[in-house]
């Protein structure tokens, strides 16, 4: 480790954000419109599903915004299917 507090990896390269290095800024990206499936397209996808599980995955990915891996990794214990969630401390 160098005496100036900069982070150095095993190869001797100074790590990002080390002393004297400028802080990384977020890139300015043009705002792009997200291409969502139309309701008629979702109805067609639901019609192609063979089980309630498949329809749930289509719903979670298309409308809730979960990624495929997040939807696939959900367990029943992750969900609280209550008519009112105030008992869990939610407003």
PDB file of N, CA and C in Angstrom:
ATOM      1  N   UNK A   1       0.841  -1.177   0.000  1.00  0.00           N
ATOM      2  CA  UNK A   1       0.000   0.000   0.000  1.00  0.00           C
ATOM      3  C   UNK A   1       0.879   1.230   0.000  1.00  0.00           C
ATOM      4  N   UNK A   2       0.489   2.225  -0.757  1.00  0.00           N
ATOM      5  CA  UNK A   2       1.255   3.456  -0.835  1.00  0.00           C
ATOM      6  C   UNK A   2       0.947   4.336   0.358  1.00  0.00           C
ATOM      7  N   UNK A   3       1.843   5.215   0.667  1.00  0.00           N
ATOM      8  CA  UNK A   3       1.686   6.076   1.827  1.00  0.00           C
ATOM      9  C   UNK A   3       0.628   7.148   1.659  1.00  0.00           C
ATOM     10  N   UNK A   4       0.180   7.428   0.413  1.00  0.00           N
ATOM     11  CA  UNK A   4      -0.804   8.496   0.222  1.00  0.00           C
ATOM     12  C   UNK A   4      -2.240   8.012   0.379  1.00  0.00           C
ATOM     13  N   UNK A   5      -2.449   6.743   0.710  1.00  0.00           N
ATOM     14  CA  UNK A   5      -3.790   6.223   0.948  1.00  0.00           C
ATOM     15  C   UNK A   5      -4.485   5.741  -0.304  1.00  0.00           C
ATOM     16  N   UNK A   6      -3.803   5.795  -1.451  1.00  0.00           N
ATOM     17  CA  UNK A   6      -4.432   5.332  -2.686  1.00  0.00           C
ATOM     18  C   UNK A   6      -4.500   3.819  -2.687  1.00  0.00           C
ATOM     19  N   UNK A   7      -5.586   3.268  -3.193  1.00  0.00           N
ATOM     20  CA  UNK A   7      -5.732   1.820  -3.291  1.00  0.00           C
ATOM     21  C   UNK A   7      -4.946   1.286  -4.468  1.00  0.00           C
ATOM     22  N   UNK A   8      -4.172   0.257  -4.241  1.00  0.00           N
ATOM     23  CA  UNK A   8      -3.358  -0.336  -5.299  1.00  0.00           C
ATOM     24  C   UNK A   8      -3.654  -1.824  -5.341  1.00  0.00           C
ATOM     25  N   UNK A   9      -3.915  -2.356  -6.542  1.00  0.00           N
ATOM     26  CA  UNK A   9      -4.193  -3.786  -6.637  1.00  0.00           C
ATOM     27  C   UNK A   9      -2.888  -4.573  -6.710  1.00  0.00           C
ATOM     28  N   UNK A  10      -2.979  -5.880  -6.842  1.00  0.00           N
ATOM     29  CA  UNK A  10      -1.808  -6.754  -6.830  1.00  0.00           C
ATOM     30  C   UNK A  10      -0.840  -6.438  -7.968  1.00  0.00           C
ATOM     31  N   UNK A  11      -1.353  -5.935  -9.081  1.00  0.00           N
ATOM     32  CA  UNK A  11      -0.491  -5.617 -10.224  1.00  0.00           C
ATOM     33  C   UNK A  11       0.144  -4.238 -10.085  1.00  0.00           C
ATOM     34  N   UNK A  12      -0.213  -3.491  -9.042  1.00  0.00           N
ATOM     35  CA  UNK A  12       0.357  -2.179  -8.821  1.00  0.00           C
ATOM     36  C   UNK A  12      -0.419  -1.046  -9.453  1.00  0.00           C
ATOM     37  N   UNK A  13      -1.594  -1.326 -10.011  1.00  0.00           N
ATOM     38  CA  UNK A  13      -2.397  -0.279 -10.626  1.00  0.00           C
ATOM     39  C   UNK A  13      -3.204   0.444  -9.549  1.00  0.00           C
ATOM     40  N   UNK A  14      -3.320   1.753  -9.688  1.00  0.00           N
ATOM     41  CA  UNK A  14      -4.084   2.544  -8.726  1.00  0.00           C
ATOM     42  C   UNK A  14      -5.560   2.304  -8.993  1.00  0.00           C
ATOM     43  N   UNK A  15      -6.308   1.997  -7.927  1.00  0.00           N
ATOM     44  CA  UNK A  15      -7.741   1.708  -8.050  1.00  0.00           C
ATOM     45  C   UNK A  15      -8.518   2.985  -8.326  1.00  0.00           C
ATOM     46  N   UNK A  16      -9.684   2.841  -8.960  1.00  0.00           N
ATOM     47  CA  UNK A  16     -10.563   3.985  -9.214  1.00  0.00           C
ATOM     48  C   UNK A  16     -10.945   4.646  -7.906  1.00  0.00           C
ATOM     49  N   UNK A  17     -11.065   5.961  -7.945  1.00  0.00           N
ATOM     50  CA  UNK A  17     -11.484   6.693  -6.764  1.00  0.00           C
ATOM     51  C   UNK A  17     -10.361   6.862  -5.759  1.00  0.00           C
ATOM     52  N   UNK A  18      -9.139   6.509  -6.136  1.00  0.00           N
ATOM     53  CA  UNK A  18      -8.015   6.642  -5.223  1.00  0.00           C
ATOM     54  C   UNK A  18      -7.679   8.121  -5.059  1.00  0.00           C
ATOM     55  N   UNK A  19      -6.849   8.426  -4.089  1.00  0.00           N
ATOM     56  CA  UNK A  19      -6.482   9.812  -3.818  1.00  0.00           C
ATOM     57  C   UNK A  19      -5.898  10.445  -5.066  1.00  0.00           C
ATOM     58  N   UNK A  20      -6.372  11.630  -5.387  1.00  0.00           N
ATOM     59  CA  UNK A  20      -5.871  12.340  -6.551  1.00  0.00           C
ATOM     60  C   UNK A  20      -6.600  12.017  -7.839  1.00  0.00           C
ATOM     61  N   UNK A  21      -7.356  10.945  -7.874  1.00  0.00           N
ATOM     62  CA  UNK A  21      -8.103  10.584  -9.078  1.00  0.00           C
ATOM     63  C   UNK A  21      -9.470  11.260  -9.022  1.00  0.00           C
ATOM     64  N   UNK A  22      -9.948  11.779 -10.152  1.00  0.00           N
ATOM     65  CA  UNK A  22     -11.272  12.419 -10.137  1.00  0.00           C
ATOM     66  C   UNK A  22     -12.373  11.395  -9.897  1.00  0.00           C
ATOM     67  N   UNK A  23     -13.403  11.832  -9.195  1.00  0.00           N
ATOM     68  CA  UNK A  23     -14.543  10.944  -8.929  1.00  0.00           C
ATOM     69  C   UNK A  23     -15.262  10.640 -10.235  1.00  0.00           C
ATOM     70  N   UNK A  24     -15.729   9.413 -10.388  1.00  0.00           N
ATOM     71  CA  UNK A  24     -16.456   9.016 -11.587  1.00  0.00           C
ATOM     72  C   UNK A  24     -17.838   9.658 -11.565  1.00  0.00           C
ATOM     73  N   UNK A  25     -18.252  10.186 -12.685  1.00  0.00           N
ATOM     74  CA  UNK A  25     -19.560  10.807 -12.822  1.00  0.00           C
ATOM     75  C   UNK A  25     -20.453   9.897 -13.644  1.00  0.00           C
ATOM     76  N   UNK A  26     -21.744   9.998 -13.395  1.00  0.00           N
ATOM     77  CA  UNK A  26     -22.705   9.229 -14.181  1.00  0.00           C
ATOM     78  C   UNK A  26     -22.686   9.744 -15.620  1.00  0.00           C
ATOM     79  N   UNK A  27     -22.785   8.847 -16.559  1.00  0.00           N
ATOM     80  CA  UNK A  27     -22.811   9.236 -17.960  1.00  0.00           C
ATOM     81  C   UNK A  27     -24.122   9.914 -18.286  1.00  0.00           C
ATOM     82  N   UNK A  28     -24.045  10.933 -19.098  1.00  0.00           N
ATOM     83  CA  UNK A  28     -25.267  11.578 -19.564  1.00  0.00           C
ATOM     84  C   UNK A  28     -25.787  10.779 -20.743  1.00  0.00           C
ATOM     85  N   UNK A  29     -26.873  10.089 -20.509  1.00  0.00           N
ATOM     86  CA  UNK A  29     -27.485   9.284 -21.569  1.00  0.00           C
ATOM     87  C   UNK A  29     -28.789   9.939 -21.977  1.00  0.00           C
ATOM     88  N   UNK A  30     -29.055   9.952 -23.253  1.00  0.00           N
ATOM     89  CA  UNK A  30     -30.350  10.501 -23.667  1.00  0.00           C
ATOM     90  C   UNK A  30     -31.473   9.610 -23.140  1.00  0.00           C
ATOM     91  N   UNK A  31     -32.520  10.248 -22.694  1.00  0.00           N
ATOM     92  CA  UNK A  31     -33.647   9.480 -22.169  1.00  0.00           C
ATOM     93  C   UNK A  31     -34.349   8.769 -23.321  1.00  0.00           C
ATOM     94  N   UNK A  32     -34.452   7.464 -23.209  1.00  0.00           N
ATOM     95  CA  UNK A  32     -35.080   6.693 -24.272  1.00  0.00           C
ATOM     96  C   UNK A  32     -36.421   6.162 -23.791  1.00  0.00           C
ATOM     97  N   UNK A  33     -37.321   6.044 -24.696  1.00  0.00           N
ATOM     98  CA  UNK A  33     -38.650   5.542 -24.386  1.00  0.00           C
ATOM     99  C   UNK A  33     -38.578   4.023 -24.267  1.00  0.00           C
ATOM    100  N   UNK A  34     -39.183   3.494 -23.223  1.00  0.00           N
ATOM    101  CA  UNK A  34     -39.210   2.051 -23.015  1.00  0.00           C
ATOM    102  C   UNK A  34     -40.338   1.471 -23.852  1.00  0.00           C
ATOM    103  N   UNK A  35     -40.019   0.453 -24.607  1.00  0.00           N
ATOM    104  CA  UNK A  35     -41.006  -0.181 -25.475  1.00  0.00           C
ATOM    105  C   UNK A  35     -41.707  -1.289 -24.698  1.00  0.00           C
ATOM    106  N   UNK A  36     -42.873  -0.976 -24.146  1.00  0.00           N
ATOM    107  CA  UNK A  36     -43.651  -1.954 -23.386  1.00  0.00           C
ATOM    108  C   UNK A  36     -44.613  -2.681 -24.306  1.00  0.00           C
ATOM    109  N   UNK A  37     -44.957  -3.874 -23.901  1.00  0.00           N
ATOM    110  CA  UNK A  37     -45.944  -4.642 -24.661  1.00  0.00           C
ATOM    111  C   UNK A  37     -47.322  -4.013 -24.461  1.00  0.00           C
ATOM    112  N   UNK A  38     -48.074  -3.942 -25.507  1.00  0.00           N
ATOM    113  CA  UNK A  38     -49.438  -3.429 -25.423  1.00  0.00           C
ATOM    114  C   UNK A  38     -50.322  -4.458 -24.715  1.00  0.00           C
ATOM    115  N   UNK A  39     -51.455  -3.991 -24.230  1.00  0.00           N
ATOM    116  CA  UNK A  39     -52.375  -4.891 -23.535  1.00  0.00           C
ATOM    117  C   UNK A  39     -52.820  -6.045 -24.425  1.00  0.00           C
ATOM    118  N   UNK A  40     -53.036  -5.775 -25.711  1.00  0.00           N
ATOM    119  CA  UNK A  40     -53.447  -6.852 -26.615  1.00  0.00           C
ATOM    120  C   UNK A  40     -52.334  -7.891 -26.782  1.00  0.00           C
ATOM    121  N   UNK A  41     -51.089  -7.427 -26.769  1.00  0.00           N
ATOM    122  CA  UNK A  41     -49.968  -8.365 -26.857  1.00  0.00           C
ATOM    123  C   UNK A  41     -49.857  -9.208 -25.592  1.00  0.00           C
ATOM    124  N   UNK A  42     -50.119  -8.596 -24.443  1.00  0.00           N
ATOM    125  CA  UNK A  42     -50.097  -9.357 -23.190  1.00  0.00           C
ATOM    126  C   UNK A  42     -51.194 -10.408 -23.156  1.00  0.00           C
ATOM    127  N   UNK A  43     -52.373 -10.051 -23.649  1.00  0.00           N
ATOM    128  CA  UNK A  43     -53.473 -11.021 -23.698  1.00  0.00           C
ATOM    129  C   UNK A  43     -53.081 -12.200 -24.581  1.00  0.00           C
ATOM    130  N   UNK A  44     -52.403 -11.920 -25.687  1.00  0.00           N
ATOM    131  CA  UNK A  44     -51.945 -13.000 -26.570  1.00  0.00           C
ATOM    132  C   UNK A  44     -50.906 -13.870 -25.865  1.00  0.00           C
ATOM    133  N   UNK A  45     -50.005 -13.247 -25.089  1.00  0.00           N
ATOM    134  CA  UNK A  45     -49.009 -14.031 -24.342  1.00  0.00           C
ATOM    135  C   UNK A  45     -49.673 -14.874 -23.272  1.00  0.00           C
ATOM    136  N   UNK A  46     -50.667 -14.303 -22.586  1.00  0.00           N
ATOM    137  CA  UNK A  46     -51.394 -15.087 -21.579  1.00  0.00           C
ATOM    138  C   UNK A  46     -52.084 -16.277 -22.219  1.00  0.00           C
ATOM    139  N   UNK A  47     -52.632 -16.074 -23.426  1.00  0.00           N
ATOM    140  CA  UNK A  47     -53.300 -17.167 -24.130  1.00  0.00           C
ATOM    141  C   UNK A  47     -52.336 -18.280 -24.523  1.00  0.00           C
ATOM    142  N   UNK A  48     -51.074 -17.948 -24.722  1.00  0.00           N
ATOM    143  CA  UNK A  48     -50.074 -18.950 -25.094  1.00  0.00           C
ATOM    144  C   UNK A  48     -49.520 -19.689 -23.880  1.00  0.00           C
ATOM    145  N   UNK A  49     -49.779 -19.164 -22.689  1.00  0.00           N
ATOM    146  CA  UNK A  49     -49.270 -19.807 -21.463  1.00  0.00           C
ATOM    147  C   UNK A  49     -50.070 -21.071 -21.175  1.00  0.00           C
ATOM    148  N   UNK A  50     -49.376 -22.093 -20.677  1.00  0.00           N
ATOM    149  CA  UNK A  50     -50.023 -23.366 -20.399  1.00  0.00           C
ATOM    150  C   UNK A  50     -50.369 -23.561 -18.927  1.00  0.00           C
ATOM    151  N   UNK A  51     -49.903 -22.665 -18.069  1.00  0.00           N
ATOM    152  CA  UNK A  51     -50.188 -22.832 -16.639  1.00  0.00           C
ATOM    153  C   UNK A  51     -50.294 -21.471 -15.965  1.00  0.00           C
ATOM    154  N   UNK A  52     -50.847 -21.475 -14.773  1.00  0.00           N
ATOM    155  CA  UNK A  52     -50.952 -20.253 -13.988  1.00  0.00           C
ATOM    156  C   UNK A  52     -49.566 -19.725 -13.630  1.00  0.00           C
ATOM    157  N   UNK A  53     -48.613 -20.619 -13.437  1.00  0.00           N
ATOM    158  CA  UNK A  53     -47.241 -20.202 -13.136  1.00  0.00           C
ATOM    159  C   UNK A  53     -46.661 -19.392 -14.293  1.00  0.00           C
ATOM    160  N   UNK A  54     -46.885 -19.853 -15.525  1.00  0.00           N
ATOM    161  CA  UNK A  54     -46.388 -19.136 -16.695  1.00  0.00           C
ATOM    162  C   UNK A  54     -47.038 -17.759 -16.809  1.00  0.00           C
ATOM    163  N   UNK A  55     -48.346 -17.687 -16.546  1.00  0.00           N
ATOM    164  CA  UNK A  55     -49.032 -16.398 -16.597  1.00  0.00           C
ATOM    165  C   UNK A  55     -48.497 -15.452 -15.531  1.00  0.00           C
ATOM    166  N   UNK A  56     -48.175 -15.977 -14.341  1.00  0.00           N
ATOM    167  CA  UNK A  56     -47.612 -15.151 -13.282  1.00  0.00           C
ATOM    168  C   UNK A  56     -46.249 -14.598 -13.690  1.00  0.00           C
ATOM    169  N   UNK A  57     -45.415 -15.416 -14.304  1.00  0.00           N
ATOM    170  CA  UNK A  57     -44.089 -14.960 -14.745  1.00  0.00           C
ATOM    171  C   UNK A  57     -44.236 -13.863 -15.799  1.00  0.00           C
ATOM    172  N   UNK A  58     -45.147 -14.042 -16.749  1.00  0.00           N
ATOM    173  CA  UNK A  58     -45.376 -13.018 -17.778  1.00  0.00           C
ATOM    174  C   UNK A  58     -45.832 -11.724 -17.112  1.00  0.00           C
ATOM    175  N   UNK A  59     -46.722 -11.814 -16.144  1.00  0.00           N
ATOM    176  CA  UNK A  59     -47.210 -10.628 -15.447  1.00  0.00           C
ATOM    177  C   UNK A  59     -46.100  -9.940 -14.660  1.00  0.00           C
ATOM    178  N   UNK A  60     -45.306 -10.709 -13.927  1.00  0.00           N
ATOM    179  CA  UNK A  60     -44.231 -10.129 -13.116  1.00  0.00           C
ATOM    180  C   UNK A  60     -43.183  -9.441 -13.968  1.00  0.00           C
ATOM    181  N   UNK A  61     -42.850 -10.034 -15.102  1.00  0.00           N
ATOM    182  CA  UNK A  61     -41.825  -9.458 -15.968  1.00  0.00           C
ATOM    183  C   UNK A  61     -42.375  -8.247 -16.725  1.00  0.00           C
ATOM    184  N   UNK A  62     -43.610  -8.344 -17.207  1.00  0.00           N
ATOM    185  CA  UNK A  62     -44.138  -7.296 -18.077  1.00  0.00           C
ATOM    186  C   UNK A  62     -44.693  -6.092 -17.337  1.00  0.00           C
ATOM    187  N   UNK A  63     -45.316  -6.286 -16.217  1.00  0.00           N
ATOM    188  CA  UNK A  63     -45.982  -5.167 -15.552  1.00  0.00           C
ATOM    189  C   UNK A  63     -45.361  -4.772 -14.212  1.00  0.00           C
ATOM    190  N   UNK A  64     -44.793  -5.707 -13.496  1.00  0.00           N
ATOM    191  CA  UNK A  64     -44.194  -5.389 -12.204  1.00  0.00           C
ATOM    192  C   UNK A  64     -42.766  -4.898 -12.388  1.00  0.00           C
ATOM    193  N   UNK A  65     -42.104  -5.367 -13.424  1.00  0.00           N
ATOM    194  CA  UNK A  65     -40.764  -4.902 -13.729  1.00  0.00           C
ATOM    195  C   UNK A  65     -39.651  -5.788 -13.204  1.00  0.00           C
ATOM    196  N   UNK A  66     -39.984  -6.995 -12.783  1.00  0.00           N
ATOM    197  CA  UNK A  66     -38.935  -7.904 -12.340  1.00  0.00           C
ATOM    198  C   UNK A  66     -38.155  -8.417 -13.544  1.00  0.00           C
ATOM    199  N   UNK A  67     -36.916  -8.726 -13.310  1.00  0.00           N
ATOM    200  CA  UNK A  67     -36.108  -9.371 -14.346  1.00  0.00           C
ATOM    201  C   UNK A  67     -36.404 -10.869 -14.329  1.00  0.00           C
ATOM    202  N   UNK A  68     -36.017 -11.558 -15.401  1.00  0.00           N
ATOM    203  CA  UNK A  68     -36.297 -13.002 -15.494  1.00  0.00           C
ATOM    204  C   UNK A  68     -35.746 -13.751 -14.290  1.00  0.00           C
ATOM    205  N   UNK A  69     -34.504 -13.478 -13.916  1.00  0.00           N
ATOM    206  CA  UNK A  69     -33.877 -14.181 -12.796  1.00  0.00           C
ATOM    207  C   UNK A  69     -34.556 -13.892 -11.477  1.00  0.00           C
ATOM    208  N   UNK A  70     -35.020 -12.649 -11.307  1.00  0.00           N
ATOM    209  CA  UNK A  70     -35.735 -12.301 -10.086  1.00  0.00           C
ATOM    210  C   UNK A  70     -37.065 -13.043 -10.007  1.00  0.00           C
ATOM    211  N   UNK A  71     -37.777 -13.098 -11.115  1.00  0.00           N
ATOM    212  CA  UNK A  71     -39.059 -13.808 -11.132  1.00  0.00           C
ATOM    213  C   UNK A  71     -38.855 -15.303 -10.917  1.00  0.00           C
ATOM    214  N   UNK A  72     -37.800 -15.858 -11.529  1.00  0.00           N
ATOM    215  CA  UNK A  72     -37.523 -17.287 -11.385  1.00  0.00           C
ATOM    216  C   UNK A  72     -37.072 -17.638  -9.964  1.00  0.00           C
ATOM    217  N   UNK A  73     -36.446 -16.699  -9.277  1.00  0.00           N
ATOM    218  CA  UNK A  73     -35.942 -16.958  -7.937  1.00  0.00           C
ATOM    219  C   UNK A  73     -36.941 -16.741  -6.821  1.00  0.00           C
ATOM    220  N   UNK A  74     -38.137 -16.278  -7.157  1.00  0.00           N
ATOM    221  CA  UNK A  74     -39.138 -16.041  -6.117  1.00  0.00           C
ATOM    222  C   UNK A  74     -39.602 -17.355  -5.496  1.00  0.00           C
ATOM    223  N   UNK A  75     -39.791 -17.325  -4.212  1.00  0.00           N
ATOM    224  CA  UNK A  75     -40.336 -18.460  -3.475  1.00  0.00           C
ATOM    225  C   UNK A  75     -41.651 -18.029  -2.840  1.00  0.00           C
ATOM    226  N   UNK A  76     -42.479 -18.966  -2.507  1.00  0.00           N
ATOM    227  CA  UNK A  76     -43.762 -18.644  -1.888  1.00  0.00           C
ATOM    228  C   UNK A  76     -43.555 -17.857  -0.599  1.00  0.00           C
ATOM    229  N   UNK A  77     -42.480 -18.153   0.124  1.00  0.00           N
ATOM    230  CA  UNK A  77     -42.214 -17.452   1.377  1.00  0.00           C
ATOM    231  C   UNK A  77     -41.821 -15.987   1.147  1.00  0.00           C
ATOM    232  N   UNK A  78     -41.489 -15.618  -0.094  1.00  0.00           N
ATOM    233  CA  UNK A  78     -41.148 -14.231  -0.418  1.00  0.00           C
ATOM    234  C   UNK A  78     -42.386 -13.354  -0.565  1.00  0.00           C
ATOM    235  N   UNK A  79     -43.545 -13.971  -0.713  1.00  0.00           N
ATOM    236  CA  UNK A  79     -44.771 -13.225  -0.984  1.00  0.00           C
ATOM    237  C   UNK A  79     -45.716 -13.287   0.205  1.00  0.00           C
ATOM    238  N   UNK A  80     -46.338 -12.159   0.442  1.00  0.00           N
ATOM    239  CA  UNK A  80     -47.350 -12.072   1.487  1.00  0.00           C
ATOM    240  C   UNK A  80     -48.669 -11.776   0.796  1.00  0.00           C
ATOM    241  N   UNK A  81     -49.481 -12.781   0.663  1.00  0.00           N
ATOM    242  CA  UNK A  81     -50.750 -12.657  -0.075  1.00  0.00           C
ATOM    243  C   UNK A  81     -51.877 -12.396   0.924  1.00  0.00           C
ATOM    244  N   UNK A  82     -51.890 -11.193   1.444  1.00  0.00           N
ATOM    245  CA  UNK A  82     -52.906 -10.798   2.400  1.00  0.00           C
ATOM    246  C   UNK A  82     -53.795  -9.738   1.773  1.00  0.00           C
ATOM    247  N   UNK A  83     -55.077  -9.711   2.150  1.00  0.00           N
ATOM    248  CA  UNK A  83     -55.936  -8.665   1.617  1.00  0.00           C
ATOM    249  C   UNK A  83     -55.558  -7.280   2.143  1.00  0.00           C
ATOM    250  N   UNK A  84     -54.896  -7.236   3.307  1.00  0.00           N
ATOM    251  CA  UNK A  84     -54.488  -5.980   3.897  1.00  0.00           C
ATOM    252  C   UNK A  84     -53.092  -6.167   4.504  1.00  0.00           C
ATOM    253  N   UNK A  85     -52.148  -5.331   4.098  1.00  0.00           N
ATOM    254  CA  UNK A  85     -50.768  -5.520   4.555  1.00  0.00           C
ATOM    255  C   UNK A  85     -50.419  -4.673   5.776  1.00  0.00           C
ATOM    256  N   UNK A  86     -51.417  -4.032   6.390  1.00  0.00           N
ATOM    257  CA  UNK A  86     -51.127  -3.225   7.583  1.00  0.00           C
ATOM    258  C   UNK A  86     -50.632  -4.085   8.740  1.00  0.00           C
ATOM    259  N   UNK A  87     -51.010  -5.355   8.780  1.00  0.00           N
ATOM    260  CA  UNK A  87     -50.552  -6.241   9.844  1.00  0.00           C
ATOM    261  C   UNK A  87     -49.041  -6.460   9.758  1.00  0.00           C
ATOM    262  N   UNK A  88     -48.460  -6.232   8.573  1.00  0.00           N
ATOM    263  CA  UNK A  88     -47.025  -6.385   8.375  1.00  0.00           C
ATOM    264  C   UNK A  88     -46.273  -5.079   8.628  1.00  0.00           C
ATOM    265  N   UNK A  89     -47.005  -4.022   8.950  1.00  0.00           N
ATOM    266  CA  UNK A  89     -46.372  -2.732   9.201  1.00  0.00           C
ATOM    267  C   UNK A  89     -46.322  -1.824   7.977  1.00  0.00           C
ATOM    268  N   UNK A  90     -47.012  -2.214   6.908  1.00  0.00           N
ATOM    269  CA  UNK A  90     -47.040  -1.374   5.696  1.00  0.00           C
ATOM    270  C   UNK A  90     -48.200  -0.393   5.800  1.00  0.00           C
ATOM    271  N   UNK A  91     -48.015   0.776   5.200  1.00  0.00           N
ATOM    272  CA  UNK A  91     -49.084   1.787   5.207  1.00  0.00           C
ATOM    273  C   UNK A  91     -50.069   1.549   4.109  1.00  0.00           C
TER     274      UNK A  91
END
